[in-house]
N, C-alpha and C. Protein backbone atom coordinates (compact mmCIF):
# COMPACT_ATOMS: atom_id res chain seq x y z
N MET A 1 -34.61 -14.50 103.20
CA MET A 1 -34.73 -13.50 101.29
C MET A 1 -35.33 -13.71 100.49
N VAL A 2 -35.79 -13.05 99.78
CA VAL A 2 -36.96 -13.25 98.84
C VAL A 2 -36.09 -12.14 97.95
N LYS A 3 -36.40 -12.86 96.43
CA LYS A 3 -35.94 -12.33 95.35
C LYS A 3 -36.77 -11.57 94.92
N THR A 4 -36.21 -10.16 94.47
CA THR A 4 -37.23 -9.60 93.72
C THR A 4 -36.13 -9.22 92.44
N THR A 5 -36.92 -9.06 91.39
CA THR A 5 -36.45 -9.00 90.28
C THR A 5 -37.11 -7.44 89.97
N PRO A 6 -35.77 -6.77 88.99
CA PRO A 6 -36.18 -5.56 88.76
C PRO A 6 -37.50 -5.57 87.60
N PRO A 7 -37.61 -4.16 88.14
CA PRO A 7 -38.92 -4.33 86.84
C PRO A 7 -38.51 -4.07 85.13
N LYS A 8 -38.57 -4.26 84.49
CA LYS A 8 -38.05 -4.57 83.19
C LYS A 8 -38.78 -3.28 82.90
N VAL A 9 -37.35 -3.24 82.13
CA VAL A 9 -37.30 -1.68 81.16
C VAL A 9 -37.64 -1.62 79.87
N GLN A 10 -38.06 -1.07 79.52
CA GLN A 10 -38.89 -1.45 78.43
C GLN A 10 -38.01 -0.18 77.58
N SER A 11 -38.07 -0.95 76.20
CA SER A 11 -36.58 -0.08 75.26
C SER A 11 -37.90 1.05 74.61
N PRO A 12 -37.41 2.54 74.12
CA PRO A 12 -38.52 2.88 73.53
C PRO A 12 -38.32 2.26 71.85
N LYS A 13 -39.47 1.55 71.91
CA LYS A 13 -39.35 1.83 70.00
C LYS A 13 -40.14 2.41 69.06
N ILE A 14 -39.03 3.13 68.11
CA ILE A 14 -39.96 3.64 67.45
C ILE A 14 -40.65 3.69 66.45
N ARG A 15 -41.74 3.30 66.42
CA ARG A 15 -42.17 3.21 65.22
C ARG A 15 -42.92 3.93 63.77
N LYS A 16 -42.00 3.75 62.79
CA LYS A 16 -42.92 4.34 61.40
C LYS A 16 -43.96 4.49 61.01
N VAL A 17 -44.17 4.92 60.79
CA VAL A 17 -45.92 5.26 60.20
C VAL A 17 -46.20 5.69 58.98
N ASN A 18 -46.48 5.38 57.91
CA ASN A 18 -47.03 5.45 56.71
C ASN A 18 -47.73 6.77 57.14
N GLN A 19 -47.99 7.77 56.09
CA GLN A 19 -48.78 8.52 55.47
C GLN A 19 -50.05 8.05 56.04
N GLY A 20 -50.78 7.08 55.71
CA GLY A 20 -51.63 6.63 55.86
C GLY A 20 -52.12 5.95 57.28
N GLY A 21 -51.40 6.08 57.90
CA GLY A 21 -51.23 5.10 59.79
C GLY A 21 -51.25 4.20 59.44
N ALA A 22 -51.22 3.24 58.40
CA ALA A 22 -50.66 1.76 58.58
C ALA A 22 -49.53 1.61 58.47
N PRO A 23 -48.79 0.39 59.67
CA PRO A 23 -47.53 0.58 60.10
C PRO A 23 -46.65 -0.29 58.80
N ARG A 24 -45.55 0.08 58.91
CA ARG A 24 -44.69 -0.75 57.58
C ARG A 24 -44.46 -2.06 57.09
N THR A 25 -44.74 -2.85 56.52
CA THR A 25 -44.32 -4.36 56.45
C THR A 25 -43.02 -4.18 55.97
N LYS A 26 -42.32 -5.28 55.93
CA LYS A 26 -41.05 -5.77 55.57
C LYS A 26 -41.55 -5.98 54.60
N SER A 27 -40.36 -5.69 53.36
CA SER A 27 -40.56 -6.34 51.87
C SER A 27 -38.82 -6.95 51.31
N PRO A 28 -39.25 -8.20 50.58
CA PRO A 28 -37.46 -8.82 50.77
C PRO A 28 -37.05 -8.08 50.01
N LYS A 29 -37.45 -7.08 49.45
CA LYS A 29 -36.31 -5.80 48.15
C LYS A 29 -35.54 -4.99 49.72
N ILE A 30 -34.42 -5.45 48.76
CA ILE A 30 -33.49 -3.95 49.75
C ILE A 30 -34.06 -3.00 49.18
N ARG A 31 -33.90 -1.43 49.65
CA ARG A 31 -33.98 -0.36 49.44
C ARG A 31 -32.83 0.17 49.40
N SER A 32 -32.30 1.25 48.33
CA SER A 32 -31.40 1.84 48.68
C SER A 32 -31.22 2.84 49.88
N GLU A 33 -31.50 3.00 50.68
CA GLU A 33 -32.15 3.82 52.17
C GLU A 33 -30.88 3.09 52.67
N HIS A 34 -31.34 2.06 52.63
CA HIS A 34 -30.48 0.72 53.85
C HIS A 34 -29.02 0.44 53.29
N VAL A 35 -28.72 0.49 52.22
CA VAL A 35 -27.40 -0.02 51.18
C VAL A 35 -26.62 0.73 51.41
N SER A 36 -25.10 0.53 52.43
CA SER A 36 -23.70 1.42 52.69
C SER A 36 -23.65 1.78 51.05
N GLN A 37 -22.99 3.06 51.47
CA GLN A 37 -22.59 3.55 49.84
C GLN A 37 -21.53 2.98 49.36
N PRO A 38 -20.65 2.17 50.12
CA PRO A 38 -19.26 0.92 49.55
C PRO A 38 -19.89 -0.28 48.72
N SER A 39 -21.22 -0.33 49.13
CA SER A 39 -21.80 -1.85 48.21
C SER A 39 -22.59 -1.37 47.23
N ARG A 40 -23.27 0.12 47.12
CA ARG A 40 -23.71 0.73 46.21
C ARG A 40 -23.00 0.90 44.72
N LYS A 41 -21.75 0.97 45.51
CA LYS A 41 -20.54 1.82 44.61
C LYS A 41 -20.20 -0.13 43.93
N THR A 42 -20.23 -1.24 44.67
CA THR A 42 -19.86 -2.24 44.21
C THR A 42 -20.94 -2.71 43.05
N ASN A 43 -22.02 -2.64 43.63
CA ASN A 43 -23.19 -3.29 43.06
C ASN A 43 -22.94 -2.42 41.54
N GLN A 44 -22.94 -1.03 41.35
CA GLN A 44 -22.94 0.04 40.26
C GLN A 44 -21.84 -0.50 39.61
N SER A 45 -20.43 -0.88 39.97
CA SER A 45 -19.75 -1.51 38.61
C SER A 45 -20.10 -2.70 38.27
N ARG A 46 -20.87 -3.89 39.10
CA ARG A 46 -20.74 -5.25 38.42
C ARG A 46 -22.12 -4.83 37.88
N ALA A 47 -22.57 -3.85 37.64
CA ALA A 47 -24.05 -3.99 36.87
C ALA A 47 -23.13 -3.46 35.43
N SER A 48 -22.41 -2.23 35.50
CA SER A 48 -21.80 -1.98 34.20
C SER A 48 -20.71 -2.72 33.65
N VAL A 49 -19.86 -3.77 34.13
CA VAL A 49 -19.59 -4.69 33.79
C VAL A 49 -20.42 -5.65 32.68
N ALA A 50 -21.59 -5.86 33.56
CA ALA A 50 -22.36 -6.97 33.11
C ALA A 50 -23.21 -6.47 31.67
N ILE A 51 -23.11 -5.30 31.96
CA ILE A 51 -24.21 -4.36 30.67
C ILE A 51 -22.95 -4.47 29.73
N LYS A 52 -22.06 -3.74 29.67
CA LYS A 52 -20.68 -4.28 28.62
C LYS A 52 -19.94 -5.25 27.91
N GLN A 53 -20.27 -6.60 28.76
CA GLN A 53 -19.93 -8.00 28.51
C GLN A 53 -21.39 -8.28 27.16
N LYS A 54 -22.34 -7.64 27.80
CA LYS A 54 -23.94 -8.08 27.04
C LYS A 54 -23.90 -7.36 25.81
N GLU A 55 -23.17 -5.82 25.74
CA GLU A 55 -23.06 -5.54 24.65
C GLU A 55 -21.74 -5.59 24.01
N THR A 56 -20.91 -6.11 24.43
CA THR A 56 -20.01 -6.45 23.39
C THR A 56 -20.22 -8.17 23.33
N SER A 57 -20.93 -8.65 23.74
CA SER A 57 -20.91 -10.41 23.30
C SER A 57 -22.07 -10.80 22.44
N ASN A 58 -22.38 -9.25 21.70
CA ASN A 58 -23.51 -9.54 20.83
C ASN A 58 -22.92 -9.50 19.26
N GLY A 59 -21.65 -9.83 19.10
CA GLY A 59 -20.73 -9.40 18.07
C GLY A 59 -20.33 -8.60 17.41
N LYS A 60 -20.30 -7.70 18.00
CA LYS A 60 -19.93 -6.14 17.36
C LYS A 60 -18.62 -6.34 17.14
N GLY A 61 -18.28 -6.59 18.36
CA GLY A 61 -16.55 -6.67 19.00
C GLY A 61 -15.77 -7.42 17.50
N GLY A 62 -16.36 -8.48 17.35
CA GLY A 62 -15.36 -9.12 16.30
C GLY A 62 -15.95 -9.05 14.93
N ILE A 63 -17.07 -8.27 14.45
CA ILE A 63 -17.49 -7.39 13.02
C ILE A 63 -16.52 -6.71 13.25
N ILE A 64 -16.29 -5.62 13.95
CA ILE A 64 -15.27 -4.43 13.66
C ILE A 64 -14.06 -4.98 13.47
N PHE A 65 -13.58 -6.04 14.42
CA PHE A 65 -12.23 -6.48 14.53
C PHE A 65 -12.07 -7.23 12.84
N LEU A 66 -12.79 -7.94 12.62
CA LEU A 66 -12.65 -8.18 10.79
C LEU A 66 -12.71 -7.60 10.21
N ILE A 67 -12.81 -6.39 10.20
CA ILE A 67 -13.19 -5.01 9.18
C ILE A 67 -12.31 -4.92 9.35
N ILE A 68 -11.74 -4.15 10.41
CA ILE A 68 -10.52 -3.86 10.45
C ILE A 68 -9.31 -4.54 10.24
N LEU A 69 -9.18 -5.92 10.40
CA LEU A 69 -8.36 -6.70 9.67
C LEU A 69 -8.24 -7.09 7.97
N GLY A 70 -9.83 -6.82 7.83
CA GLY A 70 -10.17 -6.63 6.28
C GLY A 70 -9.05 -5.06 5.73
N ILE A 71 -9.29 -4.23 6.04
CA ILE A 71 -8.78 -3.00 5.78
C ILE A 71 -7.42 -3.40 5.81
N LEU A 72 -6.62 -4.03 7.17
CA LEU A 72 -5.14 -3.82 6.89
C LEU A 72 -4.92 -4.63 5.48
N PHE A 73 -5.50 -5.94 5.66
CA PHE A 73 -4.83 -6.68 4.62
C PHE A 73 -5.58 -6.29 3.33
N GLY A 74 -6.45 -5.99 3.17
CA GLY A 74 -6.31 -4.69 1.91
C GLY A 74 -5.74 -4.20 1.55
N SER A 75 -4.93 -3.29 2.21
CA SER A 75 -4.01 -2.11 2.30
C SER A 75 -2.82 -2.76 1.60
N GLY A 76 -2.71 -3.62 2.19
CA GLY A 76 -0.91 -4.24 1.99
C GLY A 76 -1.28 -5.12 0.60
N TYR A 77 -2.33 -5.75 0.44
CA TYR A 77 -2.54 -6.41 -0.87
C TYR A 77 -2.14 -5.12 -2.06
N ILE A 78 -2.95 -3.70 -1.95
CA ILE A 78 -2.56 -3.12 -3.03
C ILE A 78 -1.18 -2.35 -2.79
N SER A 79 -1.06 -2.30 -2.27
CA SER A 79 0.66 -1.73 -1.91
C SER A 79 1.87 -3.01 -2.77
N MET A 80 1.54 -4.48 -2.18
CA MET A 80 2.07 -4.79 -3.14
C MET A 80 2.29 -5.10 -3.98
N LYS A 81 0.52 -4.98 -5.08
CA LYS A 81 0.46 -4.98 -6.20
C LYS A 81 1.16 -3.91 -7.36
N LYS A 82 1.38 -2.60 -5.94
CA LYS A 82 1.41 -1.05 -6.64
C LYS A 82 3.66 -1.28 -6.66
N GLU A 83 3.95 -2.18 -5.81
CA GLU A 83 5.64 -2.39 -5.47
C GLU A 83 5.76 -3.32 -6.89
N GLU A 84 4.55 -4.51 -7.44
CA GLU A 84 5.00 -5.42 -8.09
C GLU A 84 5.03 -4.45 -9.52
N ALA A 85 3.93 -3.53 -9.81
CA ALA A 85 3.46 -2.55 -10.90
C ALA A 85 5.32 -1.76 -11.21
N GLU A 86 5.34 -1.46 -10.74
CA GLU A 86 6.77 -0.60 -10.38
C GLU A 86 7.97 -1.60 -10.58
N TRP A 87 7.86 -2.48 -10.22
CA TRP A 87 9.22 -3.72 -10.52
C TRP A 87 9.12 -3.85 -11.95
N ASP A 88 7.66 -3.94 -12.37
CA ASP A 88 7.81 -4.41 -13.89
C ASP A 88 8.02 -3.40 -14.82
N MET A 89 7.62 -2.34 -14.05
CA MET A 89 8.11 -1.14 -14.94
C MET A 89 9.68 -0.48 -14.74
N ALA A 90 9.85 -0.87 -13.55
CA ALA A 90 11.63 -0.81 -14.08
C ALA A 90 12.14 -2.34 -14.74
N GLN A 91 11.67 -3.29 -14.67
CA GLN A 91 12.49 -4.14 -15.22
C GLN A 91 12.28 -3.88 -17.07
N LYS A 92 11.23 -2.96 -17.22
CA LYS A 92 11.35 -2.81 -18.90
C LYS A 92 12.00 -1.55 -19.40
N GLN A 93 12.24 -1.09 -18.58
CA GLN A 93 12.73 0.16 -18.80
C GLN A 93 14.64 -0.42 -18.79
N TYR A 94 15.19 -1.09 -18.16
CA TYR A 94 16.21 -1.81 -18.09
C TYR A 94 16.28 -2.40 -19.35
N ARG A 95 15.40 -3.24 -19.46
CA ARG A 95 15.68 -3.79 -20.99
C ARG A 95 15.67 -2.99 -22.59
N ILE A 96 14.67 -2.22 -22.25
CA ILE A 96 14.54 -0.93 -23.46
C ILE A 96 16.29 -0.50 -23.44
N GLU A 97 16.54 -0.08 -22.21
CA GLU A 97 18.40 0.89 -22.00
C GLU A 97 18.81 -0.21 -21.86
N SER A 98 19.16 -1.21 -22.24
CA SER A 98 19.97 -2.50 -22.24
C SER A 98 19.58 -2.53 -24.02
N ARG A 99 18.68 -3.12 -24.45
CA ARG A 99 18.53 -3.18 -26.02
C ARG A 99 19.32 -1.91 -26.32
N ARG A 100 18.94 -0.51 -26.06
CA ARG A 100 19.35 0.28 -26.83
C ARG A 100 21.13 0.83 -26.81
N LYS A 101 21.37 0.06 -25.42
CA LYS A 101 22.92 0.53 -25.92
C LYS A 101 23.73 -0.90 -26.39
N ALA A 102 23.06 -2.27 -26.52
CA ALA A 102 23.46 -2.78 -27.17
C ALA A 102 23.32 -2.63 -28.99
N GLU A 103 22.70 -1.96 -29.54
CA GLU A 103 22.34 -1.66 -30.59
C GLU A 103 23.23 -0.22 -30.75
N GLN A 104 23.83 0.31 -30.12
CA GLN A 104 24.98 1.35 -30.33
C GLN A 104 26.31 0.78 -30.47
N ASN A 105 26.44 0.18 -29.21
CA ASN A 105 27.87 -0.71 -29.68
C ASN A 105 27.88 -1.36 -30.81
N GLU A 106 26.47 -1.88 -31.55
CA GLU A 106 26.60 -2.63 -32.71
C GLU A 106 26.98 -1.55 -33.86
N PHE A 107 26.03 -0.50 -33.76
CA PHE A 107 26.65 0.53 -34.45
C PHE A 107 28.50 0.73 -34.80
N ARG A 108 28.57 1.07 -33.27
CA ARG A 108 29.79 1.31 -33.16
C ARG A 108 30.90 1.01 -33.95
N ALA A 109 30.54 -0.18 -33.87
CA ALA A 109 31.56 -2.08 -34.11
C ALA A 109 31.65 -1.90 -35.78
N ARG A 110 30.23 -1.68 -36.63
CA ARG A 110 30.08 -1.35 -37.64
C ARG A 110 30.76 -0.08 -38.13
N GLU A 111 30.82 1.05 -37.83
CA GLU A 111 31.13 1.96 -37.85
C GLU A 111 32.80 2.16 -38.01
N GLU A 112 33.46 1.07 -37.02
CA GLU A 112 34.98 1.09 -36.72
C GLU A 112 35.25 0.12 -38.49
N LYS A 113 34.45 -0.77 -38.10
CA LYS A 113 34.79 -1.30 -39.20
C LYS A 113 34.39 -0.99 -40.34
N ARG A 114 33.98 -0.63 -40.92
CA ARG A 114 33.97 1.09 -41.70
C ARG A 114 34.68 1.57 -42.34
N LYS A 115 35.28 2.37 -40.98
CA LYS A 115 36.22 3.37 -40.94
C LYS A 115 37.68 2.33 -41.79
N LYS A 116 37.94 1.27 -40.98
CA LYS A 116 39.61 0.77 -41.28
C LYS A 116 39.40 0.32 -42.61
N LYS A 117 38.38 0.11 -42.90
CA LYS A 117 37.64 -0.25 -44.74
C LYS A 117 37.40 0.64 -45.63
N GLU A 118 37.33 1.86 -45.50
CA GLU A 118 37.36 3.50 -46.31
C GLU A 118 38.73 3.60 -46.12
N GLY A 119 39.20 3.73 -44.71
CA GLY A 119 40.71 3.85 -44.75
C GLY A 119 41.70 3.05 -45.73
N GLN A 120 41.66 2.08 -45.85
CA GLN A 120 42.79 1.09 -46.99
C GLN A 120 42.31 1.60 -48.36
N SER A 121 41.03 1.57 -48.90
CA SER A 121 40.70 1.49 -49.87
C SER A 121 40.47 3.26 -50.59
N SER A 122 40.50 4.49 -49.43
CA SER A 122 40.66 5.72 -49.88
C SER A 122 41.70 6.77 -49.20
N ASN A 123 42.13 7.25 -49.70
CA ASN A 123 43.38 8.52 -49.63
C ASN A 123 42.49 9.56 -48.52
N SER A 124 41.80 10.05 -48.32
CA SER A 124 41.13 11.13 -47.63
C SER A 124 39.73 10.37 -47.21
N SER A 125 39.93 10.02 -45.85
CA SER A 125 39.01 9.39 -44.89
C SER A 125 37.89 10.64 -44.30
N SER A 126 38.64 11.94 -43.85
CA SER A 126 37.24 12.78 -43.90
C SER A 126 35.98 12.61 -44.87
N SER A 127 36.61 12.83 -46.19
CA SER A 127 35.39 13.21 -47.15
C SER A 127 34.19 11.88 -47.58
N SER A 128 35.35 10.88 -47.35
CA SER A 128 34.35 9.53 -47.32
C SER A 128 33.68 9.66 -46.17
N SER A 129 33.87 9.43 -45.01
CA SER A 129 32.81 9.82 -43.72
C SER A 129 31.81 10.53 -44.11
N SER A 130 32.47 11.83 -44.72
CA SER A 130 30.71 12.72 -44.72
C SER A 130 30.02 11.99 -45.67
N SER A 131 30.58 11.57 -46.91
CA SER A 131 29.75 10.91 -47.15
C SER A 131 28.81 9.59 -47.06
N TYR A 132 29.68 9.06 -46.26
CA TYR A 132 29.16 7.61 -45.91
C TYR A 132 27.73 8.42 -45.27
N ASP A 133 28.12 9.34 -44.44
CA ASP A 133 27.02 9.74 -43.47
C ASP A 133 26.01 10.52 -44.00
N GLU A 134 26.10 11.28 -45.04
CA GLU A 134 25.15 11.48 -45.73
C GLU A 134 23.93 10.52 -46.40
N GLY A 135 24.48 9.55 -46.75
CA GLY A 135 23.87 8.30 -47.31
C GLY A 135 23.72 7.45 -46.28
N SER A 136 23.58 7.18 -45.06
CA SER A 136 23.05 6.63 -44.05
C SER A 136 21.85 7.89 -43.55
N ASP A 137 22.37 9.27 -43.82
CA ASP A 137 21.21 9.88 -43.47
C ASP A 137 20.05 10.24 -44.43
N ASP A 138 20.29 9.63 -45.24
CA ASP A 138 19.60 9.89 -46.89
C ASP A 138 19.00 8.57 -46.90
N ALA A 139 19.21 7.78 -46.52
CA ALA A 139 18.53 6.38 -46.68
C ALA A 139 17.28 6.22 -45.37
N TYR A 140 17.92 6.71 -44.60
CA TYR A 140 17.05 6.67 -43.16
C TYR A 140 15.95 7.72 -43.44
N SER A 141 15.92 8.91 -44.56
CA SER A 141 14.86 9.86 -44.81
C SER A 141 13.75 9.18 -45.82
N GLY A 142 14.29 8.01 -46.17
CA GLY A 142 13.75 7.54 -47.41
C GLY A 142 14.17 7.73 -48.90
N ASP A 143 15.03 8.81 -48.75
CA ASP A 143 15.38 9.11 -50.34
C ASP A 143 16.79 9.77 -50.52
N TYR A 144 17.00 8.65 -51.17
CA TYR A 144 18.48 8.78 -51.70
C TYR A 144 18.87 9.01 -52.73
N ASP A 145 19.94 9.50 -53.07
CA ASP A 145 20.12 9.73 -54.99
C ASP A 145 20.98 8.49 -55.50
N GLU A 146 20.09 7.94 -56.25
CA GLU A 146 20.39 6.76 -57.17
C GLU A 146 21.88 6.92 -57.63
N ASP A 147 22.04 8.32 -58.31
CA ASP A 147 23.06 8.10 -59.45
C ASP A 147 24.52 8.75 -58.58
N ARG A 148 24.04 9.01 -57.39
CA ARG A 148 25.70 9.12 -56.29
C ARG A 148 25.40 7.85 -55.81
N TYR A 149 24.63 6.83 -55.64
CA TYR A 149 24.53 5.50 -55.01
C TYR A 149 25.46 4.80 -56.37
N ASP A 150 25.51 5.18 -57.09
CA ASP A 150 26.00 4.08 -58.43
C ASP A 150 27.67 4.63 -58.64
N ASN A 151 27.69 5.90 -58.50
CA ASN A 151 29.10 6.52 -58.17
C ASN A 151 29.96 6.24 -57.32
N ASP A 152 29.70 6.89 -55.90
CA ASP A 152 30.23 6.97 -54.62
C ASP A 152 30.16 5.70 -53.84
N GLU A 153 31.18 5.06 -53.46
CA GLU A 153 31.46 3.63 -52.84
C GLU A 153 31.06 3.98 -51.57
N SER A 154 31.79 5.28 -50.80
CA SER A 154 31.25 5.57 -49.59
C SER A 154 29.56 5.89 -49.08
N TYR A 155 29.04 6.23 -50.03
CA TYR A 155 27.81 7.01 -49.88
C TYR A 155 26.85 5.38 -50.16
N ARG A 156 27.73 4.67 -50.92
CA ARG A 156 26.43 3.10 -51.03
C ARG A 156 26.73 2.52 -50.17
N ASP A 157 27.69 2.74 -49.31
CA ASP A 157 27.89 1.57 -47.92
C ASP A 157 26.98 2.22 -46.87
N GLY A 158 27.18 4.01 -46.96
CA GLY A 158 26.34 4.25 -46.09
C GLY A 158 24.66 3.69 -46.20
N VAL A 159 24.05 4.10 -47.50
CA VAL A 159 23.19 3.76 -47.61
C VAL A 159 22.25 2.35 -47.15
N ASP A 160 23.39 1.40 -47.99
CA ASP A 160 22.85 0.28 -47.45
C ASP A 160 23.46 -0.37 -46.07
N ASP A 161 23.94 -0.29 -45.55
CA ASP A 161 23.94 0.02 -43.93
C ASP A 161 23.09 0.16 -43.20
N MET A 162 22.50 1.67 -43.94
CA MET A 162 21.30 2.30 -43.18
C MET A 162 20.12 1.50 -43.38
N LEU A 163 19.97 0.57 -44.46
CA LEU A 163 18.77 0.03 -45.09
C LEU A 163 18.95 -1.60 -44.56
N ASP A 164 20.61 -1.84 -43.78
CA ASP A 164 20.19 -2.98 -43.17
C ASP A 164 19.97 -2.93 -41.31
N GLU A 165 20.30 -2.03 -41.23
CA GLU A 165 19.87 -1.41 -40.00
C GLU A 165 18.41 -1.19 -39.45
N LEU A 166 17.98 -0.36 -40.58
CA LEU A 166 16.22 -0.68 -40.59
C LEU A 166 15.09 -1.69 -41.15
N GLY A 167 16.14 -2.67 -41.41
CA GLY A 167 15.30 -3.77 -41.75
C GLY A 167 14.55 -3.69 -43.30
N GLU A 168 15.45 -3.00 -44.36
CA GLU A 168 14.75 -2.83 -45.41
C GLU A 168 15.13 -3.66 -46.54
């Protein structure tokens, strides 16, 4: 028996030809026509990540972070100084009010002491009280009656107390 080999079947090769008629040569570059769609998306996302990293790696992100941090600390410092100023004003106001109350209490104590003294020395306390008040008012205004000062003890006490209070 003689072996016969079947004739080779030639597969039809389709050869693409350029416009110029020369056959195409293979190039090492991958053309976008031959890349599948998922591969193309992966390559694009990698490229965009690389671009983003390149953009942030040049220091802009760090500078922006420092600017924001500076603004936050600056505003905190300003609000702290504002609170300190308000606290200082409140303390000053408190000291003024305390001093005023202390002076009022001292004045009341002197008035009560004077009234007790007047009650023992004179019969009519209402007339001496008004005389004392008139002496205080006159001394406060800086113009008191010297004749009345010499003759009216209550008037003199009012003038003297007011002058002592004013430091004169």
